Amino acid sequence: MTEEALDVVRRGYEAYEAGGIEGILPFLDPEVEWRNPPDSPIAGVFHGHEGVREWQRLTEEVFAELRFWPDEILEAPDGRVLALCRAQVRGRESEAAVEVPFAHVVEVRDGRAVSFEMYSRVPDARAAVGLGG
């Protein structure tokens, strides 16, 4: 992996913060596979740009507020990018607000993310990319 993949991921987070889901689409392959973990209120696999838009729509149904950012972006031994993140969320119905750690594992090819997977548990993400728990 090159510095280019790390840069694509960094710029993708910046684009999401500035422009939401539409801002990130240029950083995602049109056939991207976007995965949320089974313990997420929005569990499942979403395909392509339309799938990512659907993920956003479902997210807005569940959360009144969702903001996330990377604390650290690392090159993983298996060639993917590991982003160690935090999220601030507030439930739409419960109004409960929490801040939680989580991770994304991103595979970049030809300057775009082809796979984007969320992990609720950081040790699971680290293990998935060969960095141990």
C-alpha atoms as a PDB file:
ATOM      1  CA  MET A   1       0.000   0.000   0.000  1.00  0.00           C
ATOM      2  CA  THR A   2       1.165   3.474  -0.657  1.00  0.00           C
ATOM      3  CA  GLU A   3       0.728   6.766   1.093  1.00  0.00           C
ATOM      4  CA  GLU A   4      -2.003   7.320  -1.505  1.00  0.00           C
ATOM      5  CA  ALA A   5      -4.369   4.880   0.230  1.00  0.00           C
ATOM      6  CA  LEU A   6      -3.841   6.568   3.597  1.00  0.00           C
ATOM      7  CA  ASP A   7      -4.453   9.937   1.944  1.00  0.00           C
ATOM      8  CA  VAL A   8      -7.667   8.728   0.281  1.00  0.00           C
ATOM      9  CA  VAL A   9      -8.998   7.597   3.655  1.00  0.00           C
ATOM     10  CA  ARG A  10      -7.964  10.844   5.402  1.00  0.00           C
ATOM     11  CA  ARG A  11      -9.566  12.977   2.710  1.00  0.00           C
ATOM     12  CA  GLY A  12     -12.680  10.792   2.780  1.00  0.00           C
ATOM     13  CA  TYR A  13     -13.234  11.528   6.472  1.00  0.00           C
ATOM     14  CA  GLU A  14     -12.733  15.233   5.830  1.00  0.00           C
ATOM     15  CA  ALA A  15     -15.219  15.095   2.946  1.00  0.00           C
ATOM     16  CA  TYR A  16     -17.806  13.302   5.088  1.00  0.00           C
ATOM     17  CA  GLU A  17     -17.433  15.889   7.840  1.00  0.00           C
ATOM     18  CA  ALA A  18     -17.813  18.746   5.340  1.00  0.00           C
ATOM     19  CA  GLY A  19     -20.433  17.326   2.987  1.00  0.00           C
ATOM     20  CA  GLY A  20     -22.020  14.262   4.525  1.00  0.00           C
ATOM     21  CA  ILE A  21     -22.582  11.138   2.507  1.00  0.00           C
ATOM     22  CA  GLU A  22     -22.600  12.966  -0.835  1.00  0.00           C
ATOM     23  CA  GLY A  23     -19.199  14.425   0.039  1.00  0.00           C
ATOM     24  CA  ILE A  24     -17.657  11.004   0.517  1.00  0.00           C
ATOM     25  CA  LEU A  25     -18.985   9.370  -2.662  1.00  0.00           C
ATOM     26  CA  PRO A  26     -16.069  10.531  -4.871  1.00  0.00           C
ATOM     27  CA  PHE A  27     -13.758   8.562  -2.542  1.00  0.00           C
ATOM     28  CA  LEU A  28     -15.806   5.366  -2.887  1.00  0.00           C
ATOM     29  CA  ASP A  29     -15.708   2.980  -5.804  1.00  0.00           C
ATOM     30  CA  PRO A  30     -19.123   2.866  -7.529  1.00  0.00           C
ATOM     31  CA  GLU A  31     -19.325  -0.825  -6.499  1.00  0.00           C
ATOM     32  CA  VAL A  32     -18.075  -0.310  -2.921  1.00  0.00           C
ATOM     33  CA  GLU A  33     -19.026  -2.893  -0.318  1.00  0.00           C
ATOM     34  CA  TRP A  34     -20.039  -1.057   2.895  1.00  0.00           C
ATOM     35  CA  ARG A  35     -20.429  -3.308   5.958  1.00  0.00           C
ATOM     36  CA  ASN A  36     -21.891  -2.614   9.373  1.00  0.00           C
ATOM     37  CA  PRO A  37     -21.409  -5.162  12.163  1.00  0.00           C
ATOM     38  CA  PRO A  38     -24.186  -7.481  13.348  1.00  0.00           C
ATOM     39  CA  ASP A  39     -24.505  -5.609  16.667  1.00  0.00           C
ATOM     40  CA  SER A  40     -25.184  -2.277  14.933  1.00  0.00           C
ATOM     41  CA  PRO A  41     -28.729  -0.899  14.797  1.00  0.00           C
ATOM     42  CA  ILE A  42     -28.007  -0.614  11.068  1.00  0.00           C
ATOM     43  CA  ALA A  43     -26.437  -4.046  10.580  1.00  0.00           C
ATOM     44  CA  GLY A  44     -25.832  -5.376   7.123  1.00  0.00           C
ATOM     45  CA  VAL A  45     -23.995  -5.021   3.857  1.00  0.00           C
ATOM     46  CA  PHE A  46     -24.707  -2.131   1.508  1.00  0.00           C
ATOM     47  CA  HIS A  47     -23.542  -2.175  -2.114  1.00  0.00           C
ATOM     48  CA  GLY A  48     -22.491   0.693  -4.324  1.00  0.00           C
ATOM     49  CA  HIS A  49     -23.228   4.376  -3.991  1.00  0.00           C
ATOM     50  CA  GLU A  50     -26.970   3.749  -3.722  1.00  0.00           C
ATOM     51  CA  GLY A  51     -26.337   1.287  -0.903  1.00  0.00           C
ATOM     52  CA  VAL A  52     -24.257   3.876   0.936  1.00  0.00           C
ATOM     53  CA  ARG A  53     -27.053   6.397   0.507  1.00  0.00           C
ATOM     54  CA  GLU A  54     -29.468   3.806   1.933  1.00  0.00           C
ATOM     55  CA  TRP A  55     -27.112   3.323   4.906  1.00  0.00           C
ATOM     56  CA  GLN A  56     -27.244   7.080   5.492  1.00  0.00           C
ATOM     57  CA  ARG A  57     -31.048   7.135   5.269  1.00  0.00           C
ATOM     58  CA  LEU A  58     -31.302   4.310   7.822  1.00  0.00           C
ATOM     59  CA  THR A  59     -28.764   6.057  10.045  1.00  0.00           C
ATOM     60  CA  GLU A  60     -30.887   9.197  10.058  1.00  0.00           C
ATOM     61  CA  GLU A  61     -33.930   7.123  11.085  1.00  0.00           C
ATOM     62  CA  VAL A  62     -32.086   5.664  14.094  1.00  0.00           C
ATOM     63  CA  PHE A  63     -29.914   8.573  15.212  1.00  0.00           C
ATOM     64  CA  ALA A  64     -30.913  12.184  15.769  1.00  0.00           C
ATOM     65  CA  GLU A  65     -27.225  13.003  15.698  1.00  0.00           C
ATOM     66  CA  LEU A  66     -24.200  11.082  14.426  1.00  0.00           C
ATOM     67  CA  ARG A  67     -20.719  12.461  14.178  1.00  0.00           C
ATOM     68  CA  PHE A  68     -17.542  10.413  13.868  1.00  0.00           C
ATOM     69  CA  TRP A  69     -13.888  11.094  13.298  1.00  0.00           C
ATOM     70  CA  PRO A  70     -10.632   9.149  13.170  1.00  0.00           C
ATOM     71  CA  ASP A  71      -8.156   9.466  16.022  1.00  0.00           C
ATOM     72  CA  GLU A  72      -5.536   7.492  14.126  1.00  0.00           C
ATOM     73  CA  ILE A  73      -5.201   6.131  10.577  1.00  0.00           C
ATOM     74  CA  LEU A  74      -2.736   3.278  10.125  1.00  0.00           C
ATOM     75  CA  GLU A  75      -1.366   1.125   7.361  1.00  0.00           C
ATOM     76  CA  ALA A  76      -2.278  -2.459   8.240  1.00  0.00           C
ATOM     77  CA  PRO A  77       0.060  -5.406   7.580  1.00  0.00           C
ATOM     78  CA  ASP A  78      -2.477  -6.914   5.157  1.00  0.00           C
ATOM     79  CA  GLY A  79      -2.437  -3.781   2.961  1.00  0.00           C
ATOM     80  CA  ARG A  80      -5.714  -2.267   4.124  1.00  0.00           C
ATOM     81  CA  VAL A  81      -6.162   0.932   6.134  1.00  0.00           C
ATOM     82  CA  LEU A  82      -7.223   0.796   9.778  1.00  0.00           C
ATOM     83  CA  ALA A  83      -8.943   3.889  11.140  1.00  0.00           C
ATOM     84  CA  LEU A  84      -9.347   4.013  14.915  1.00  0.00           C
ATOM     85  CA  CYS A  85     -12.338   6.261  15.470  1.00  0.00           C
ATOM     86  CA  ARG A  86     -14.750   7.776  17.954  1.00  0.00           C
ATOM     87  CA  ALA A  87     -18.404   8.562  17.405  1.00  0.00           C
ATOM     88  CA  GLN A  88     -20.821  10.859  19.153  1.00  0.00           C
ATOM     89  CA  VAL A  89     -24.380   9.653  18.731  1.00  0.00           C
ATOM     90  CA  ARG A  90     -27.773  10.591  20.084  1.00  0.00           C
ATOM     91  CA  GLY A  91     -30.679   8.213  19.670  1.00  0.00           C
ATOM     92  CA  ARG A  92     -33.727   9.542  17.856  1.00  0.00           C
ATOM     93  CA  GLU A  93     -36.249   7.961  20.230  1.00  0.00           C
ATOM     94  CA  SER A  94     -34.254   7.581  23.433  1.00  0.00           C
ATOM     95  CA  GLU A  95     -32.473  10.956  23.152  1.00  0.00           C
ATOM     96  CA  ALA A  96     -29.551   9.202  24.874  1.00  0.00           C
ATOM     97  CA  ALA A  97     -26.193  10.676  23.869  1.00  0.00           C
ATOM     98  CA  VAL A  98     -22.984   8.635  23.999  1.00  0.00           C
ATOM     99  CA  GLU A  99     -19.442   8.694  22.713  1.00  0.00           C
ATOM    100  CA  VAL A 100     -18.035   5.337  21.661  1.00  0.00           C
ATOM    101  CA  PRO A 101     -14.790   4.009  20.197  1.00  0.00           C
ATOM    102  CA  PHE A 102     -14.968   1.895  17.041  1.00  0.00           C
ATOM    103  CA  ALA A 103     -12.888   1.192  13.943  1.00  0.00           C
ATOM    104  CA  HIS A 104     -13.140   1.132  10.173  1.00  0.00           C
ATOM    105  CA  VAL A 105     -11.125  -1.154   7.925  1.00  0.00           C
ATOM    106  CA  VAL A 106     -10.853   0.211   4.403  1.00  0.00           C
ATOM    107  CA  GLU A 107      -9.466  -1.383   1.273  1.00  0.00           C
ATOM    108  CA  VAL A 108      -8.378   1.149  -1.348  1.00  0.00           C
ATOM    109  CA  ARG A 109      -7.783   0.296  -4.975  1.00  0.00           C
ATOM    110  CA  ASP A 110      -7.078   2.730  -7.817  1.00  0.00           C
ATOM    111  CA  GLY A 111      -7.604   5.738  -5.562  1.00  0.00           C
ATOM    112  CA  ARG A 112     -11.033   4.728  -4.194  1.00  0.00           C
ATOM    113  CA  ALA A 113     -12.348   2.636  -1.333  1.00  0.00           C
ATOM    114  CA  VAL A 114     -13.655  -0.693  -2.626  1.00  0.00           C
ATOM    115  CA  SER A 115     -14.455  -2.062   0.822  1.00  0.00           C
ATOM    116  CA  PHE A 116     -15.436  -0.181   3.984  1.00  0.00           C
ATOM    117  CA  GLU A 117     -16.123  -2.226   7.116  1.00  0.00           C
ATOM    118  CA  MET A 118     -17.122  -0.970  10.545  1.00  0.00           C
ATOM    119  CA  TYR A 119     -16.138  -2.789  13.747  1.00  0.00           C
ATOM    120  CA  SER A 120     -17.868  -2.043  17.036  1.00  0.00           C
ATOM    121  CA  ARG A 121     -14.896  -3.441  18.917  1.00  0.00           C
ATOM    122  CA  VAL A 122     -11.476  -2.000  18.145  1.00  0.00           C
ATOM    123  CA  PRO A 123      -9.630  -5.234  19.103  1.00  0.00           C
ATOM    124  CA  ASP A 124     -11.687  -7.131  16.509  1.00  0.00           C
ATOM    125  CA  ALA A 125     -10.663  -4.663  13.795  1.00  0.00           C
ATOM    126  CA  ARG A 126      -7.010  -4.838  14.816  1.00  0.00           C
ATOM    127  CA  ALA A 127      -7.141  -8.642  14.686  1.00  0.00           C
ATOM    128  CA  ALA A 128      -8.868  -8.586  11.278  1.00  0.00           C
ATOM    129  CA  VAL A 129      -5.936  -6.710   9.717  1.00  0.00           C
ATOM    130  CA  GLY A 130      -3.176  -8.687  11.451  1.00  0.00           C
ATOM    131  CA  LEU A 131      -2.328  -6.313  14.289  1.00  0.00           C
ATOM    132  CA  GLY A 132      -3.575  -8.536  17.105  1.00  0.00           C
ATOM    133  CA  GLY A 133      -6.297  -7.604  19.582  1.00  0.00           C
END
